[in-house]
Structures are given as C-alpha cells and as structure tokens.
Amino acid sequence: MAIEAAKTARVILKMCIRALDYCPPVDIDFGDYLRALITADMDLVRDDQRGYRVAIIDAFRKRGIYPWDVRSLSEESLRWWVPPPQENEALNQLVGHTGLRPFLGVWTLLSERQQAFCKMREAAAEVHDLLTLHEKWTLTTEDYRVKAGRAIGLELGADAVPTIVRNGGRTPPVEVHSVRPARRLGPDGESQRNPL
C-alpha cells in the first residue's frame, strides 16, 4: 500500500510541476492552475487510464474552485484553448523565420552552459525583433504580428485594451527575456520535447 501511495504521489507531483509551464505569467488564480494541470497532463498523456485528472478535477470541485470561463468541469472544457488556424499559422511562420530550430540541439542537459545561455539570448532577440516588426524582417506585416502575438497570448495590435501600457507608440511594447524549448517528463520517466 505504501509503495502504491508513493508512486501516486510522484505522478501527482510531476503533474503539478509540469503545470507551472502552462500557467499565465501574471494574475494566476487556482482556477487557472487547474486548467494548467489538465492541459499539461492531456498534452503528455492522452488517455488517463488511472483517473488522475478526474480525481484532481473532483478535488478542486469539492473545494469550490472553478475557472471563471468554463461551463462544465470536463477535461475538454478545462483544457486551455488552442489558437485558431490563422493565429497558429502565423505562429508557425514566426518559428520558421527565426533561428529557433537549430537552437534546440544546443539546449540539452549535457550542453555547455555558457554556449546555451548565449544561444538563448540570440533566440530571444530574434523573437523580439520579429514581434516588434524590426526592419530586418521584411516578410512580416502588422496583421502577421498581431496574429502571432495572439497565438502566444499577447495583444500587440492598436485595438488592445486601453489599460495596456504604450510607450509613446500606438501599439503595446514587447519584452522577450528568454526562449527555451519545453521538455516534459512523462509518467514512465521518458523525456519528450514539444515540437516547434
């Protein structure tokens, strides 16, 4: 019994840690964390044979913790939304135009830390330049920038809500502090990387 309890605790702990990558960067609440838990686990483990997700949803429900924007507490409705096709296409173009794909090979647990840090800064600068329509990205347009931004949860258009700060310009500023590949540790200990 103790061995099974320890296994279950390890799986739940990994689910909780993995969910941190799916949380909003600011103003998180318990409802957002529940959505992150479910989304992170569904991305890695398609079929929940042991009922971990159902148990977590039920535990949140018993404590009266609900996300504000869902109609039911089913796994499908709790999962974070997927960007619409146009926004997803713009995001794929963003990744295709930057040097992010070669960067993935540099970022491993065995890599030279200084080299990985420098490559991470280069990738962050490239993404920043693309989202701010730097002159070197001649293929991008304002519409492309707005769609790619929405796909990653940013409002970059002139029609963004007035409470978003604008530094003298008509569109919100963007800061990109780091760009890293996401790796997930599955329930069997296998490592999986999210494809770009």
C-alpha atoms as a PDB file:
ATOM      1  CA  MET A   1       0.000   0.000   0.000  1.00  0.00           C
ATOM      2  CA  ALA A   2       2.811   2.396   0.901  1.00  0.00           C
ATOM      3  CA  ILE A   3       4.615   1.684  -2.386  1.00  0.00           C
ATOM      4  CA  GLU A   4       1.467   2.419  -4.421  1.00  0.00           C
ATOM      5  CA  ALA A   5       0.823   5.608  -2.440  1.00  0.00           C
ATOM      6  CA  ALA A   6       4.394   6.755  -3.097  1.00  0.00           C
ATOM      7  CA  LYS A   7       4.015   6.062  -6.837  1.00  0.00           C
ATOM      8  CA  THR A   8       0.770   8.039  -6.964  1.00  0.00           C
ATOM      9  CA  ALA A   9       2.351  10.916  -5.047  1.00  0.00           C
ATOM     10  CA  ARG A  10       5.266  11.003  -7.524  1.00  0.00           C
ATOM     11  CA  VAL A  11       2.907  11.120 -10.511  1.00  0.00           C
ATOM     12  CA  ILE A  12       0.795  13.893  -8.970  1.00  0.00           C
ATOM     13  CA  LEU A  13       3.920  15.885  -8.043  1.00  0.00           C
ATOM     14  CA  LYS A  14       5.210  15.651 -11.631  1.00  0.00           C
ATOM     15  CA  MET A  15       1.804  16.768 -12.908  1.00  0.00           C
ATOM     16  CA  CYS A  16       1.832  19.764 -10.558  1.00  0.00           C
ATOM     17  CA  ILE A  17       5.368  20.808 -11.524  1.00  0.00           C
ATOM     18  CA  ARG A  18       4.677  20.316 -15.248  1.00  0.00           C
ATOM     19  CA  ALA A  19       1.591  22.543 -14.950  1.00  0.00           C
ATOM     20  CA  LEU A  20       3.731  25.546 -13.985  1.00  0.00           C
ATOM     21  CA  ASP A  21       4.833  25.864 -17.629  1.00  0.00           C
ATOM     22  CA  TYR A  22       1.186  26.240 -18.644  1.00  0.00           C
ATOM     23  CA  CYS A  23       0.265  28.933 -16.115  1.00  0.00           C
ATOM     24  CA  PRO A  24      -0.321  32.558 -17.088  1.00  0.00           C
ATOM     25  CA  PRO A  25       2.664  34.803 -16.320  1.00  0.00           C
ATOM     26  CA  VAL A  26       0.623  37.169 -14.111  1.00  0.00           C
ATOM     27  CA  ASP A  27      -2.608  37.236 -12.090  1.00  0.00           C
ATOM     28  CA  ILE A  28      -2.838  33.468 -11.712  1.00  0.00           C
ATOM     29  CA  ASP A  29      -5.596  32.019  -9.552  1.00  0.00           C
ATOM     30  CA  PHE A  30      -6.487  28.453  -8.530  1.00  0.00           C
ATOM     31  CA  GLY A  31      -8.875  28.096 -11.473  1.00  0.00           C
ATOM     32  CA  ASP A  32      -6.040  28.937 -13.878  1.00  0.00           C
ATOM     33  CA  TYR A  33      -3.821  26.408 -12.125  1.00  0.00           C
ATOM     34  CA  LEU A  34      -6.498  23.709 -12.507  1.00  0.00           C
ATOM     35  CA  ARG A  35      -6.673  24.453 -16.233  1.00  0.00           C
ATOM     36  CA  ALA A  36      -2.872  24.300 -16.443  1.00  0.00           C
ATOM     37  CA  LEU A  37      -2.826  20.932 -14.637  1.00  0.00           C
ATOM     38  CA  ILE A  38      -5.358  19.406 -17.003  1.00  0.00           C
ATOM     39  CA  THR A  39      -3.807  20.895 -20.161  1.00  0.00           C
ATOM     40  CA  ALA A  40      -0.266  19.857 -19.264  1.00  0.00           C
ATOM     41  CA  ASP A  41      -1.317  16.313 -18.486  1.00  0.00           C
ATOM     42  CA  MET A  42      -3.515  15.974 -21.588  1.00  0.00           C
ATOM     43  CA  ASP A  43      -0.631  17.172 -23.774  1.00  0.00           C
ATOM     44  CA  LEU A  44       1.648  14.466 -22.405  1.00  0.00           C
ATOM     45  CA  VAL A  45      -0.704  11.603 -21.504  1.00  0.00           C
ATOM     46  CA  ARG A  46      -3.613  11.318 -23.952  1.00  0.00           C
ATOM     47  CA  ASP A  47      -5.542   8.586 -22.143  1.00  0.00           C
ATOM     48  CA  ASP A  48      -5.868   8.930 -18.378  1.00  0.00           C
ATOM     49  CA  GLN A  49      -6.238   5.228 -17.603  1.00  0.00           C
ATOM     50  CA  ARG A  50      -5.752   5.649 -13.873  1.00  0.00           C
ATOM     51  CA  GLY A  51      -8.123   8.586 -13.494  1.00  0.00           C
ATOM     52  CA  TYR A  52      -5.650  11.137 -12.134  1.00  0.00           C
ATOM     53  CA  ARG A  53      -7.233  14.047 -14.000  1.00  0.00           C
ATOM     54  CA  VAL A  54     -10.731  13.118 -12.848  1.00  0.00           C
ATOM     55  CA  ALA A  55      -9.523  12.882  -9.247  1.00  0.00           C
ATOM     56  CA  ILE A  56      -7.846  16.306  -9.454  1.00  0.00           C
ATOM     57  CA  ILE A  57     -10.915  17.914 -11.029  1.00  0.00           C
ATOM     58  CA  ASP A  58     -13.117  16.360  -8.330  1.00  0.00           C
ATOM     59  CA  ALA A  59     -10.803  17.604  -5.550  1.00  0.00           C
ATOM     60  CA  PHE A  60     -10.954  21.164  -6.919  1.00  0.00           C
ATOM     61  CA  ARG A  61     -14.756  20.885  -7.316  1.00  0.00           C
ATOM     62  CA  LYS A  62     -15.220  19.741  -3.690  1.00  0.00           C
ATOM     63  CA  ARG A  63     -13.351  22.847  -2.546  1.00  0.00           C
ATOM     64  CA  GLY A  64     -15.404  25.147  -4.758  1.00  0.00           C
ATOM     65  CA  ILE A  65     -12.504  26.080  -7.026  1.00  0.00           C
ATOM     66  CA  TYR A  66     -13.656  26.753 -10.573  1.00  0.00           C
ATOM     67  CA  PRO A  67     -12.152  28.625 -13.517  1.00  0.00           C
ATOM     68  CA  TRP A  68     -14.323  31.645 -14.274  1.00  0.00           C
ATOM     69  CA  ASP A  69     -14.753  30.997 -18.001  1.00  0.00           C
ATOM     70  CA  VAL A  70     -15.812  27.352 -18.304  1.00  0.00           C
ATOM     71  CA  ARG A  71     -19.323  25.927 -18.497  1.00  0.00           C
ATOM     72  CA  SER A  72     -18.502  22.486 -17.120  1.00  0.00           C
ATOM     73  CA  LEU A  73     -15.667  20.740 -15.351  1.00  0.00           C
ATOM     74  CA  SER A  74     -14.990  18.221 -18.109  1.00  0.00           C
ATOM     75  CA  GLU A  75     -11.410  17.659 -19.218  1.00  0.00           C
ATOM     76  CA  GLU A  76     -12.117  19.097 -22.668  1.00  0.00           C
ATOM     77  CA  SER A  77     -13.647  22.329 -21.342  1.00  0.00           C
ATOM     78  CA  LEU A  78     -10.875  22.825 -18.760  1.00  0.00           C
ATOM     79  CA  ARG A  79      -8.096  22.444 -21.304  1.00  0.00           C
ATOM     80  CA  TRP A  80      -6.552  25.739 -22.442  1.00  0.00           C
ATOM     81  CA  TRP A  81      -7.793  26.828 -25.851  1.00  0.00           C
ATOM     82  CA  VAL A  82      -5.848  26.094 -28.987  1.00  0.00           C
ATOM     83  CA  PRO A  83      -5.119  29.127 -31.209  1.00  0.00           C
ATOM     84  CA  PRO A  84      -7.438  29.498 -34.221  1.00  0.00           C
ATOM     85  CA  PRO A  85      -5.933  28.294 -37.534  1.00  0.00           C
ATOM     86  CA  GLN A  86      -4.871  31.777 -38.738  1.00  0.00           C
ATOM     87  CA  GLU A  87      -3.102  32.584 -35.465  1.00  0.00           C
ATOM     88  CA  ASN A  88      -1.498  29.141 -35.342  1.00  0.00           C
ATOM     89  CA  GLU A  89      -0.235  29.572 -38.921  1.00  0.00           C
ATOM     90  CA  ALA A  90       1.250  32.970 -38.015  1.00  0.00           C
ATOM     91  CA  LEU A  91       2.982  31.420 -35.008  1.00  0.00           C
ATOM     92  CA  ASN A  92       4.390  28.594 -37.149  1.00  0.00           C
ATOM     93  CA  GLN A  93       5.720  31.186 -39.592  1.00  0.00           C
ATOM     94  CA  LEU A  94       7.304  33.063 -36.696  1.00  0.00           C
ATOM     95  CA  VAL A  95       9.120  29.914 -35.599  1.00  0.00           C
ATOM     96  CA  GLY A  96      10.084  29.094 -39.199  1.00  0.00           C
ATOM     97  CA  HIS A  97      11.611  32.550 -39.823  1.00  0.00           C
ATOM     98  CA  THR A  98      13.736  32.581 -36.691  1.00  0.00           C
ATOM     99  CA  GLY A  99      16.788  30.521 -35.831  1.00  0.00           C
ATOM    100  CA  LEU A 100      14.904  28.582 -33.151  1.00  0.00           C
ATOM    101  CA  ARG A 101      15.020  25.132 -34.736  1.00  0.00           C
ATOM    102  CA  PRO A 102      18.851  24.842 -34.748  1.00  0.00           C
ATOM    103  CA  PHE A 103      18.827  26.214 -31.206  1.00  0.00           C
ATOM    104  CA  LEU A 104      17.080  23.083 -29.916  1.00  0.00           C
ATOM    105  CA  GLY A 105      20.202  20.969 -30.370  1.00  0.00           C
ATOM    106  CA  VAL A 106      22.256  23.345 -28.223  1.00  0.00           C
ATOM    107  CA  TRP A 107      19.891  23.245 -25.259  1.00  0.00           C
ATOM    108  CA  THR A 108      20.440  19.869 -23.563  1.00  0.00           C
ATOM    109  CA  LEU A 109      21.365  18.807 -20.069  1.00  0.00           C
ATOM    110  CA  LEU A 110      24.883  17.951 -21.274  1.00  0.00           C
ATOM    111  CA  SER A 111      25.490  21.153 -23.237  1.00  0.00           C
ATOM    112  CA  GLU A 112      27.999  23.872 -22.453  1.00  0.00           C
ATOM    113  CA  ARG A 113      26.086  26.277 -20.187  1.00  0.00           C
ATOM    114  CA  GLN A 114      27.744  29.450 -21.493  1.00  0.00           C
ATOM    115  CA  GLN A 115      27.035  28.490 -25.106  1.00  0.00           C
ATOM    116  CA  ALA A 116      23.400  27.615 -24.285  1.00  0.00           C
ATOM    117  CA  PHE A 117      22.975  30.944 -22.469  1.00  0.00           C
ATOM    118  CA  CYS A 118      24.349  32.901 -25.455  1.00  0.00           C
ATOM    119  CA  LYS A 119      22.116  30.989 -27.886  1.00  0.00           C
ATOM    120  CA  MET A 120      19.104  31.601 -25.636  1.00  0.00           C
ATOM    121  CA  ARG A 121      19.784  35.346 -25.715  1.00  0.00           C
ATOM    122  CA  GLU A 122      20.164  35.284 -29.510  1.00  0.00           C
ATOM    123  CA  ALA A 123      16.846  33.436 -29.880  1.00  0.00           C
ATOM    124  CA  ALA A 124      15.117  35.903 -27.521  1.00  0.00           C
ATOM    125  CA  ALA A 125      16.448  38.825 -29.565  1.00  0.00           C
ATOM    126  CA  GLU A 126      15.192  37.238 -32.792  1.00  0.00           C
ATOM    127  CA  VAL A 127      11.700  36.667 -31.391  1.00  0.00           C
ATOM    128  CA  HIS A 128      11.649  40.233 -30.021  1.00  0.00           C
ATOM    129  CA  ASP A 129      12.688  41.664 -33.389  1.00  0.00           C
ATOM    130  CA  LEU A 130      10.004  39.670 -35.145  1.00  0.00           C
ATOM    131  CA  LEU A 131       7.228  40.655 -32.735  1.00  0.00           C
ATOM    132  CA  THR A 132       8.224  44.318 -32.934  1.00  0.00           C
ATOM    133  CA  LEU A 133       8.473  44.280 -36.749  1.00  0.00           C
ATOM    134  CA  HIS A 134      12.176  45.073 -36.833  1.00  0.00           C
ATOM    135  CA  GLU A 135      13.249  46.234 -40.304  1.00  0.00           C
ATOM    136  CA  LYS A 136      15.269  43.046 -40.933  1.00  0.00           C
ATOM    137  CA  TRP A 137      12.005  41.035 -41.086  1.00  0.00           C
ATOM    138  CA  THR A 138      10.719  42.290 -44.412  1.00  0.00           C
ATOM    139  CA  LEU A 139       8.228  39.404 -44.766  1.00  0.00           C
ATOM    140  CA  THR A 140       6.144  40.407 -41.760  1.00  0.00           C
ATOM    141  CA  THR A 141       3.215  42.780 -41.571  1.00  0.00           C
ATOM    142  CA  GLU A 142       1.284  44.372 -38.736  1.00  0.00           C
ATOM    143  CA  ASP A 143      -1.514  41.829 -39.243  1.00  0.00           C
ATOM    144  CA  TYR A 144       1.003  38.969 -39.042  1.00  0.00           C
ATOM    145  CA  ARG A 145       2.482  40.420 -35.846  1.00  0.00           C
ATOM    146  CA  VAL A 146      -0.934  40.712 -34.196  1.00  0.00           C
ATOM    147  CA  LYS A 147      -1.952  37.134 -35.139  1.00  0.00           C
ATOM    148  CA  ALA A 148       1.338  35.624 -33.967  1.00  0.00           C
ATOM    149  CA  GLY A 149       1.078  37.604 -30.728  1.00  0.00           C
ATOM    150  CA  ARG A 150      -2.457  36.379 -30.063  1.00  0.00           C
ATOM    151  CA  ALA A 151      -1.358  32.775 -30.612  1.00  0.00           C
ATOM    152  CA  ILE A 152       1.057  33.132 -27.681  1.00  0.00           C
ATOM    153  CA  GLY A 153      -1.337  35.169 -25.542  1.00  0.00           C
ATOM    154  CA  LEU A 154      -0.192  38.714 -26.350  1.00  0.00           C
ATOM    155  CA  GLU A 155      -2.287  41.647 -27.533  1.00  0.00           C
ATOM    156  CA  LEU A 156       0.031  43.578 -29.839  1.00  0.00           C
ATOM    157  CA  GLY A 157      -2.461  45.447 -32.014  1.00  0.00           C
ATOM    158  CA  ALA A 158      -3.596  49.050 -31.831  1.00  0.00           C
ATOM    159  CA  ASP A 159      -7.008  47.730 -30.712  1.00  0.00           C
ATOM    160  CA  ALA A 160      -5.594  46.263 -27.466  1.00  0.00           C
ATOM    161  CA  VAL A 161      -7.453  47.297 -24.325  1.00  0.00           C
ATOM    162  CA  PRO A 162      -6.563  50.833 -23.171  1.00  0.00           C
ATOM    163  CA  THR A 163      -5.189  49.606 -19.828  1.00  0.00           C
ATOM    164  CA  ILE A 164      -2.185  48.027 -21.601  1.00  0.00           C
ATOM    165  CA  VAL A 165       0.783  50.397 -21.432  1.00  0.00           C
ATOM    166  CA  ARG A 166       2.000  52.005 -24.635  1.00  0.00           C
ATOM    167  CA  ASN A 167       5.433  53.615 -24.631  1.00  0.00           C
ATOM    168  CA  GLY A 168       4.712  56.601 -26.816  1.00  0.00           C
ATOM    169  CA  GLY A 169       3.590  54.449 -29.736  1.00  0.00           C
ATOM    170  CA  ARG A 170       0.130  53.278 -30.621  1.00  0.00           C
ATOM    171  CA  THR A 171       0.877  49.589 -30.010  1.00  0.00           C
ATOM    172  CA  PRO A 172       1.997  47.913 -26.762  1.00  0.00           C
ATOM    173  CA  PRO A 173       5.732  47.296 -26.287  1.00  0.00           C
ATOM    174  CA  VAL A 174       7.153  43.768 -26.125  1.00  0.00           C
ATOM    175  CA  GLU A 175       9.927  42.327 -23.958  1.00  0.00           C
ATOM    176  CA  VAL A 176      11.320  38.846 -24.574  1.00  0.00           C
ATOM    177  CA  HIS A 177      13.550  37.769 -21.699  1.00  0.00           C
ATOM    178  CA  SER A 178      14.236  34.191 -22.710  1.00  0.00           C
ATOM    179  CA  VAL A 179      13.353  31.497 -25.229  1.00  0.00           C
ATOM    180  CA  ARG A 180      13.762  27.862 -24.254  1.00  0.00           C
ATOM    181  CA  PRO A 181      12.463  24.548 -25.592  1.00  0.00           C
ATOM    182  CA  ALA A 182       9.874  22.858 -23.384  1.00  0.00           C
ATOM    183  CA  ARG A 183      10.703  19.347 -22.288  1.00  0.00           C
ATOM    184  CA  ARG A 184       8.218  17.147 -20.500  1.00  0.00           C
ATOM    185  CA  LEU A 185       8.908  14.181 -18.256  1.00  0.00           C
ATOM    186  CA  GLY A 186       6.260  11.529 -18.808  1.00  0.00           C
ATOM    187  CA  PRO A 187       4.770   9.207 -16.191  1.00  0.00           C
ATOM    188  CA  ASP A 188       7.169   6.422 -17.179  1.00  0.00           C
ATOM    189  CA  GLY A 189      10.196   8.712 -16.908  1.00  0.00           C
ATOM    190  CA  GLU A 190      10.542   9.248 -20.678  1.00  0.00           C
ATOM    191  CA  SER A 191      11.559  12.730 -21.799  1.00  0.00           C
ATOM    192  CA  GLN A 192       9.526  14.398 -24.520  1.00  0.00           C
ATOM    193  CA  ARG A 193      10.168  17.713 -26.228  1.00  0.00           C
ATOM    194  CA  ASN A 194       7.423  19.913 -27.590  1.00  0.00           C
ATOM    195  CA  PRO A 195       7.977  20.231 -31.354  1.00  0.00           C
ATOM    196  CA  LEU A 196       8.434  23.695 -32.839  1.00  0.00           C
END
